[in-house]
PDB file of N, CA and C in Angstrom:
ATOM      1  N   MET A   1       0.843  -1.176   0.000  1.00  0.00           N
ATOM      2  CA  MET A   1       0.000   0.000   0.000  1.00  0.00           C
ATOM      3  C   MET A   1       0.890   1.241   0.000  1.00  0.00           C
ATOM      4  N   LYS A   2       0.418   2.262  -0.667  1.00  0.00           N
ATOM      5  CA  LYS A   2       1.142   3.532  -0.704  1.00  0.00           C
ATOM      6  C   LYS A   2       0.692   4.395   0.472  1.00  0.00           C
ATOM      7  N   ALA A   3       1.645   5.134   1.011  1.00  0.00           N
ATOM      8  CA  ALA A   3       1.355   6.037   2.120  1.00  0.00           C
ATOM      9  C   ALA A   3       2.022   7.377   1.859  1.00  0.00           C
ATOM     10  N   LYS A   4       1.402   8.415   2.361  1.00  0.00           N
ATOM     11  CA  LYS A   4       1.945   9.763   2.267  1.00  0.00           C
ATOM     12  C   LYS A   4       1.932  10.333   3.684  1.00  0.00           C
ATOM     13  N   VAL A   5       3.077  10.828   4.123  1.00  0.00           N
ATOM     14  CA  VAL A   5       3.208  11.399   5.463  1.00  0.00           C
ATOM     15  C   VAL A   5       3.487  12.887   5.321  1.00  0.00           C
ATOM     16  N   HIS A   6       2.635  13.711   5.905  1.00  0.00           N
ATOM     17  CA  HIS A   6       2.801  15.173   5.918  1.00  0.00           C
ATOM     18  C   HIS A   6       3.373  15.545   7.281  1.00  0.00           C
ATOM     19  N   ILE A   7       4.534  16.167   7.291  1.00  0.00           N
ATOM     20  CA  ILE A   7       5.209  16.527   8.536  1.00  0.00           C
ATOM     21  C   ILE A   7       5.334  18.043   8.604  1.00  0.00           C
ATOM     22  N   THR A   8       4.875  18.611   9.715  1.00  0.00           N
ATOM     23  CA  THR A   8       4.954  20.059   9.919  1.00  0.00           C
ATOM     24  C   THR A   8       5.476  20.347  11.322  1.00  0.00           C
ATOM     25  N   LEU A   9       6.065  21.516  11.469  1.00  0.00           N
ATOM     26  CA  LEU A   9       6.514  21.923  12.797  1.00  0.00           C
ATOM     27  C   LEU A   9       5.306  22.244  13.676  1.00  0.00           C
ATOM     28  N   LYS A  10       5.425  21.940  14.948  1.00  0.00           N
ATOM     29  CA  LYS A  10       4.356  22.258  15.887  1.00  0.00           C
ATOM     30  C   LYS A  10       4.251  23.776  16.045  1.00  0.00           C
ATOM     31  N   PRO A  11       3.043  24.260  16.357  1.00  0.00           N
ATOM     32  CA  PRO A  11       2.895  25.696  16.603  1.00  0.00           C
ATOM     33  C   PRO A  11       3.847  26.140  17.718  1.00  0.00           C
ATOM     34  N   GLY A  12       4.450  27.288  17.548  1.00  0.00           N
ATOM     35  CA  GLY A  12       5.367  27.812  18.551  1.00  0.00           C
ATOM     36  C   GLY A  12       6.823  27.438  18.310  1.00  0.00           C
ATOM     37  N   VAL A  13       7.073  26.457  17.461  1.00  0.00           N
ATOM     38  CA  VAL A  13       8.453  26.087  17.121  1.00  0.00           C
ATOM     39  C   VAL A  13       8.939  27.040  16.035  1.00  0.00           C
ATOM     40  N   LEU A  14      10.097  27.645  16.248  1.00  0.00           N
ATOM     41  CA  LEU A  14      10.639  28.581  15.277  1.00  0.00           C
ATOM     42  C   LEU A  14      10.873  27.876  13.939  1.00  0.00           C
ATOM     43  N   ASP A  15      10.571  28.576  12.850  1.00  0.00           N
ATOM     44  CA  ASP A  15      10.685  28.018  11.505  1.00  0.00           C
ATOM     45  C   ASP A  15      11.505  28.963  10.635  1.00  0.00           C
ATOM     46  N   PRO A  16      12.847  28.894  10.718  1.00  0.00           N
ATOM     47  CA  PRO A  16      13.666  29.810   9.931  1.00  0.00           C
ATOM     48  C   PRO A  16      13.491  29.634   8.431  1.00  0.00           C
ATOM     49  N   GLN A  17      13.234  28.418   7.966  1.00  0.00           N
ATOM     50  CA  GLN A  17      13.007  28.218   6.536  1.00  0.00           C
ATOM     51  C   GLN A  17      11.709  28.889   6.100  1.00  0.00           C
ATOM     52  N   GLY A  18      10.692  28.795   6.928  1.00  0.00           N
ATOM     53  CA  GLY A  18       9.426  29.475   6.626  1.00  0.00           C
ATOM     54  C   GLY A  18       9.613  30.976   6.537  1.00  0.00           C
ATOM     55  N   LYS A  19      10.407  31.520   7.460  1.00  0.00           N
ATOM     56  CA  LYS A  19      10.689  32.967   7.439  1.00  0.00           C
ATOM     57  C   LYS A  19      11.451  33.347   6.176  1.00  0.00           C
ATOM     58  N   ALA A  20      12.410  32.525   5.761  1.00  0.00           N
ATOM     59  CA  ALA A  20      13.173  32.806   4.540  1.00  0.00           C
ATOM     60  C   ALA A  20      12.264  32.766   3.317  1.00  0.00           C
ATOM     61  N   ILE A  21      11.363  31.801   3.269  1.00  0.00           N
ATOM     62  CA  ILE A  21      10.411  31.707   2.157  1.00  0.00           C
ATOM     63  C   ILE A  21       9.506  32.932   2.148  1.00  0.00           C
ATOM     64  N   GLU A  22       9.032  33.325   3.326  1.00  0.00           N
ATOM     65  CA  GLU A  22       8.174  34.503   3.420  1.00  0.00           C
ATOM     66  C   GLU A  22       8.908  35.751   2.919  1.00  0.00           C
ATOM     67  N   GLY A  23      10.170  35.906   3.317  1.00  0.00           N
ATOM     68  CA  GLY A  23      10.955  37.051   2.856  1.00  0.00           C
ATOM     69  C   GLY A  23      11.153  37.039   1.347  1.00  0.00           C
ATOM     70  N   ALA A  24      11.406  35.852   0.793  1.00  0.00           N
ATOM     71  CA  ALA A  24      11.582  35.739  -0.654  1.00  0.00           C
ATOM     72  C   ALA A  24      10.281  36.059  -1.392  1.00  0.00           C
ATOM     73  N   LEU A  25       9.160  35.604  -0.870  1.00  0.00           N
ATOM     74  CA  LEU A  25       7.869  35.914  -1.487  1.00  0.00           C
ATOM     75  C   LEU A  25       7.614  37.416  -1.486  1.00  0.00           C
ATOM     76  N   ARG A  26       7.910  38.051  -0.357  1.00  0.00           N
ATOM     77  CA  ARG A  26       7.731  39.509  -0.273  1.00  0.00           C
ATOM     78  C   ARG A  26       8.640  40.218  -1.283  1.00  0.00           C
ATOM     79  N   GLY A  27       9.869  39.711  -1.423  1.00  0.00           N
ATOM     80  CA  GLY A  27      10.801  40.289  -2.386  1.00  0.00           C
ATOM     81  C   GLY A  27      10.314  40.166  -3.822  1.00  0.00           C
ATOM     82  N   LEU A  28       9.502  39.156  -4.069  1.00  0.00           N
ATOM     83  CA  LEU A  28       8.929  38.955  -5.406  1.00  0.00           C
ATOM     84  C   LEU A  28       7.604  39.689  -5.596  1.00  0.00           C
ATOM     85  N   GLY A  29       7.207  40.437  -4.564  1.00  0.00           N
ATOM     86  CA  GLY A  29       5.980  41.226  -4.674  1.00  0.00           C
ATOM     87  C   GLY A  29       4.742  40.571  -4.093  1.00  0.00           C
ATOM     88  N   PHE A  30       4.875  39.396  -3.511  1.00  0.00           N
ATOM     89  CA  PHE A  30       3.727  38.723  -2.892  1.00  0.00           C
ATOM     90  C   PHE A  30       3.607  39.173  -1.436  1.00  0.00           C
ATOM     91  N   THR A  31       3.179  40.423  -1.260  1.00  0.00           N
ATOM     92  CA  THR A  31       3.140  41.018   0.072  1.00  0.00           C
ATOM     93  C   THR A  31       1.954  40.537   0.905  1.00  0.00           C
ATOM     94  N   ASN A  32       1.033  39.814   0.300  1.00  0.00           N
ATOM     95  CA  ASN A  32      -0.125  39.338   1.052  1.00  0.00           C
ATOM     96  C   ASN A  32       0.112  37.964   1.687  1.00  0.00           C
ATOM     97  N   ALA A  33       1.298  37.381   1.530  1.00  0.00           N
ATOM     98  CA  ALA A  33       1.621  36.097   2.163  1.00  0.00           C
ATOM     99  C   ALA A  33       2.269  36.363   3.516  1.00  0.00           C
ATOM    100  N   SER A  34       1.805  35.650   4.539  1.00  0.00           N
ATOM    101  CA  SER A  34       2.384  35.826   5.873  1.00  0.00           C
ATOM    102  C   SER A  34       2.293  34.515   6.647  1.00  0.00           C
ATOM    103  N   GLN A  35       3.026  34.462   7.742  1.00  0.00           N
ATOM    104  CA  GLN A  35       3.037  33.304   8.639  1.00  0.00           C
ATOM    105  C   GLN A  35       3.326  32.006   7.871  1.00  0.00           C
ATOM    106  N   VAL A  36       4.317  32.060   6.994  1.00  0.00           N
ATOM    107  CA  VAL A  36       4.681  30.901   6.173  1.00  0.00           C
ATOM    108  C   VAL A  36       5.354  29.856   7.061  1.00  0.00           C
ATOM    109  N   ARG A  37       4.908  28.623   6.948  1.00  0.00           N
ATOM    110  CA  ARG A  37       5.493  27.491   7.669  1.00  0.00           C
ATOM    111  C   ARG A  37       5.916  26.462   6.634  1.00  0.00           C
ATOM    112  N   GLN A  38       7.094  25.934   6.783  1.00  0.00           N
ATOM    113  CA  GLN A  38       7.638  24.970   5.849  1.00  0.00           C
ATOM    114  C   GLN A  38       7.491  23.579   6.446  1.00  0.00           C
ATOM    115  N   GLY A  39       7.201  22.607   5.606  1.00  0.00           N
ATOM    116  CA  GLY A  39       7.084  21.227   6.060  1.00  0.00           C
ATOM    117  C   GLY A  39       7.662  20.292   5.021  1.00  0.00           C
ATOM    118  N   LYS A  40       7.364  19.017   5.183  1.00  0.00           N
ATOM    119  CA  LYS A  40       7.838  18.047   4.201  1.00  0.00           C
ATOM    120  C   LYS A  40       6.801  16.953   4.018  1.00  0.00           C
ATOM    121  N   VAL A  41       6.879  16.311   2.863  1.00  0.00           N
ATOM    122  CA  VAL A  41       5.995  15.193   2.535  1.00  0.00           C
ATOM    123  C   VAL A  41       6.878  14.011   2.181  1.00  0.00           C
ATOM    124  N   ILE A  42       6.592  12.873   2.775  1.00  0.00           N
ATOM    125  CA  ILE A  42       7.321  11.644   2.475  1.00  0.00           C
ATOM    126  C   ILE A  42       6.323  10.648   1.904  1.00  0.00           C
ATOM    127  N   GLU A  43       6.616  10.130   0.726  1.00  0.00           N
ATOM    128  CA  GLU A  43       5.776   9.113   0.105  1.00  0.00           C
ATOM    129  C   GLU A  43       6.529   7.788   0.142  1.00  0.00           C
ATOM    130  N   LEU A  44       5.831   6.719   0.479  1.00  0.00           N
ATOM    131  CA  LEU A  44       6.468   5.419   0.530  1.00  0.00           C
ATOM    132  C   LEU A  44       5.457   4.313   0.273  1.00  0.00           C
ATOM    133  N   THR A  45       5.965   3.143  -0.035  1.00  0.00           N
ATOM    134  CA  THR A  45       5.132   1.971  -0.222  1.00  0.00           C
ATOM    135  C   THR A  45       5.428   1.001   0.908  1.00  0.00           C
ATOM    136  N   VAL A  46       4.372   0.495   1.521  1.00  0.00           N
ATOM    137  CA  VAL A  46       4.497  -0.452   2.630  1.00  0.00           C
ATOM    138  C   VAL A  46       3.959  -1.799   2.153  1.00  0.00           C
ATOM    139  N   ASP A  47       4.684  -2.842   2.439  1.00  0.00           N
ATOM    140  CA  ASP A  47       4.286  -4.180   2.010  1.00  0.00           C
ATOM    141  C   ASP A  47       3.206  -4.718   2.950  1.00  0.00           C
ATOM    142  N   GLU A  48       2.014  -4.152   2.832  1.00  0.00           N
ATOM    143  CA  GLU A  48       0.834  -4.559   3.608  1.00  0.00           C
ATOM    144  C   GLU A  48      -0.367  -4.547   2.670  1.00  0.00           C
ATOM    145  N   THR A  49      -1.341  -5.399   2.930  1.00  0.00           N
ATOM    146  CA  THR A  49      -2.553  -5.428   2.105  1.00  0.00           C
ATOM    147  C   THR A  49      -3.740  -4.821   2.832  1.00  0.00           C
ATOM    148  N   ASN A  50      -3.586  -4.576   4.115  1.00  0.00           N
ATOM    149  CA  ASN A  50      -4.653  -4.036   4.949  1.00  0.00           C
ATOM    150  C   ASN A  50      -4.309  -2.593   5.310  1.00  0.00           C
ATOM    151  N   ALA A  51      -5.247  -1.675   5.101  1.00  0.00           N
ATOM    152  CA  ALA A  51      -4.990  -0.251   5.365  1.00  0.00           C
ATOM    153  C   ALA A  51      -4.659   0.011   6.830  1.00  0.00           C
ATOM    154  N   ALA A  52      -5.334  -0.664   7.748  1.00  0.00           N
ATOM    155  CA  ALA A  52      -5.073  -0.456   9.172  1.00  0.00           C
ATOM    156  C   ALA A  52      -3.666  -0.921   9.540  1.00  0.00           C
ATOM    157  N   ALA A  53      -3.249  -2.040   9.001  1.00  0.00           N
ATOM    158  CA  ALA A  53      -1.902  -2.549   9.271  1.00  0.00           C
ATOM    159  C   ALA A  53      -0.854  -1.611   8.668  1.00  0.00           C
ATOM    160  N   ALA A  54      -1.124  -1.104   7.475  1.00  0.00           N
ATOM    161  CA  ALA A  54      -0.205  -0.168   6.837  1.00  0.00           C
ATOM    162  C   ALA A  54      -0.072   1.098   7.672  1.00  0.00           C
ATOM    163  N   ARG A  55      -1.194   1.625   8.152  1.00  0.00           N
ATOM    164  CA  ARG A  55      -1.167   2.836   8.986  1.00  0.00           C
ATOM    165  C   ARG A  55      -0.353   2.601  10.257  1.00  0.00           C
ATOM    166  N   THR A  56      -0.550   1.461  10.887  1.00  0.00           N
ATOM    167  CA  THR A  56       0.180   1.126  12.115  1.00  0.00           C
ATOM    168  C   THR A  56       1.680   1.067  11.840  1.00  0.00           C
ATOM    169  N   ARG A  57       2.048   0.464  10.714  1.00  0.00           N
ATOM    170  CA  ARG A  57       3.457   0.336  10.346  1.00  0.00           C
ATOM    171  C   ARG A  57       4.074   1.706  10.082  1.00  0.00           C
ATOM    172  N   VAL A  58       3.368   2.556   9.344  1.00  0.00           N
ATOM    173  CA  VAL A  58       3.884   3.895   9.038  1.00  0.00           C
ATOM    174  C   VAL A  58       3.932   4.746  10.308  1.00  0.00           C
ATOM    175  N   GLU A  59       2.965   4.586  11.180  1.00  0.00           N
ATOM    176  CA  GLU A  59       2.969   5.298  12.475  1.00  0.00           C
ATOM    177  C   GLU A  59       4.250   4.964  13.242  1.00  0.00           C
ATOM    178  N   ASP A  60       4.616   3.697  13.259  1.00  0.00           N
ATOM    179  CA  ASP A  60       5.845   3.280  13.931  1.00  0.00           C
ATOM    180  C   ASP A  60       7.065   3.912  13.273  1.00  0.00           C
ATOM    181  N   MET A  61       7.064   3.978  11.941  1.00  0.00           N
ATOM    182  CA  MET A  61       8.169   4.614  11.217  1.00  0.00           C
ATOM    183  C   MET A  61       8.287   6.092  11.599  1.00  0.00           C
ATOM    184  N   CYS A  62       7.145   6.755  11.720  1.00  0.00           N
ATOM    185  CA  CYS A  62       7.146   8.179  12.082  1.00  0.00           C
ATOM    186  C   CYS A  62       7.709   8.375  13.482  1.00  0.00           C
ATOM    187  N   LYS A  63       7.272   7.552  14.408  1.00  0.00           N
ATOM    188  CA  LYS A  63       7.733   7.681  15.798  1.00  0.00           C
ATOM    189  C   LYS A  63       9.214   7.388  15.945  1.00  0.00           C
ATOM    190  N   ARG A  64       9.728   6.461  15.120  1.00  0.00           N
ATOM    191  CA  ARG A  64      11.113   6.025  15.284  1.00  0.00           C
ATOM    192  C   ARG A  64      12.116   6.762  14.407  1.00  0.00           C
ATOM    193  N   LEU A  65      11.657   7.336  13.271  1.00  0.00           N
ATOM    194  CA  LEU A  65      12.623   7.955  12.369  1.00  0.00           C
ATOM    195  C   LEU A  65      12.117   9.167  11.595  1.00  0.00           C
ATOM    196  N   LEU A  66      10.949   9.071  10.990  1.00  0.00           N
ATOM    197  CA  LEU A  66      10.534  10.073  10.012  1.00  0.00           C
ATOM    198  C   LEU A  66      10.217  11.440  10.608  1.00  0.00           C
ATOM    199  N   ALA A  67       9.725  11.475  11.831  1.00  0.00           N
ATOM    200  CA  ALA A  67       9.346  12.751  12.454  1.00  0.00           C
ATOM    201  C   ALA A  67       9.956  12.849  13.846  1.00  0.00           C
ATOM    202  N   ASN A  68      10.163  14.073  14.273  1.00  0.00           N
ATOM    203  CA  ASN A  68      10.613  14.330  15.640  1.00  0.00           C
ATOM    204  C   ASN A  68       9.381  14.738  16.438  1.00  0.00           C
ATOM    205  N   PRO A  69       8.798  13.821  17.224  1.00  0.00           N
ATOM    206  CA  PRO A  69       7.535  14.115  17.906  1.00  0.00           C
ATOM    207  C   PRO A  69       7.613  15.256  18.928  1.00  0.00           C
ATOM    208  N   VAL A  70       8.813  15.651  19.307  1.00  0.00           N
ATOM    209  CA  VAL A  70       8.962  16.777  20.230  1.00  0.00           C
ATOM    210  C   VAL A  70       8.661  18.088  19.506  1.00  0.00           C
ATOM    211  N   MET A  71       9.093  18.182  18.236  1.00  0.00           N
ATOM    212  CA  MET A  71       8.986  19.436  17.484  1.00  0.00           C
ATOM    213  C   MET A  71       8.002  19.388  16.323  1.00  0.00           C
ATOM    214  N   GLU A  72       7.611  18.184  15.900  1.00  0.00           N
ATOM    215  CA  GLU A  72       6.835  18.062  14.666  1.00  0.00           C
ATOM    216  C   GLU A  72       5.530  17.293  14.865  1.00  0.00           C
ATOM    217  N   ASN A  73       4.535  17.678  14.092  1.00  0.00           N
ATOM    218  CA  ASN A  73       3.294  16.922  13.959  1.00  0.00           C
ATOM    219  C   ASN A  73       3.360  16.174  12.646  1.00  0.00           C
ATOM    220  N   TYR A  74       2.642  15.076  12.570  1.00  0.00           N
ATOM    221  CA  TYR A  74       2.571  14.363  11.293  1.00  0.00           C
ATOM    222  C   TYR A  74       1.173  13.825  11.076  1.00  0.00           C
ATOM    223  N   ASP A  75       0.846  13.690   9.805  1.00  0.00           N
ATOM    224  CA  ASP A  75      -0.454  13.167   9.408  1.00  0.00           C
ATOM    225  C   ASP A  75      -0.206  12.097   8.347  1.00  0.00           C
ATOM    226  N   ILE A  76      -0.789  10.935   8.543  1.00  0.00           N
ATOM    227  CA  ILE A  76      -0.574   9.807   7.637  1.00  0.00           C
ATOM    228  C   ILE A  76      -1.791   9.643   6.740  1.00  0.00           C
ATOM    229  N   GLU A  77      -1.521   9.543   5.455  1.00  0.00           N
ATOM    230  CA  GLU A  77      -2.575   9.310   4.464  1.00  0.00           C
ATOM    231  C   GLU A  77      -2.263   7.988   3.767  1.00  0.00           C
ATOM    232  N   ILE A  78      -3.160   7.015   3.899  1.00  0.00           N
ATOM    233  CA  ILE A  78      -2.991   5.735   3.230  1.00  0.00           C
ATOM    234  C   ILE A  78      -3.748   5.801   1.899  1.00  0.00           C
ATOM    235  N   LEU A  79      -3.025   5.513   0.812  1.00  0.00           N
ATOM    236  CA  LEU A  79      -3.603   5.588  -0.523  1.00  0.00           C
ATOM    237  C   LEU A  79      -3.854   4.173  -1.035  1.00  0.00           C
ATOM    238  N   ASP A  80      -4.896   4.002  -1.802  1.00  0.00           N
ATOM    239  CA  ASP A  80      -5.190   2.677  -2.363  1.00  0.00           C
ATOM    240  C   ASP A  80      -4.308   2.369  -3.533  1.00  0.00           C
TER     241      ASP A  80
END
């Protein structure tokens, strides 16, 4: 099964990349963009046939490697 993991910084965690993107957007004339937060998306295939089992497996991957639960939130999307 295919999975997509969306990882974002938790509210209150400083995001220097988001600030840099916001500054670059303003420099390009997009002055209406603000509070930019940068994140990442990880796509992977899990050798599971059951969506619940795939979600459990990806959840374990997130807790152990893909995300830093102290600073980041993550959302798992299981695709058919």
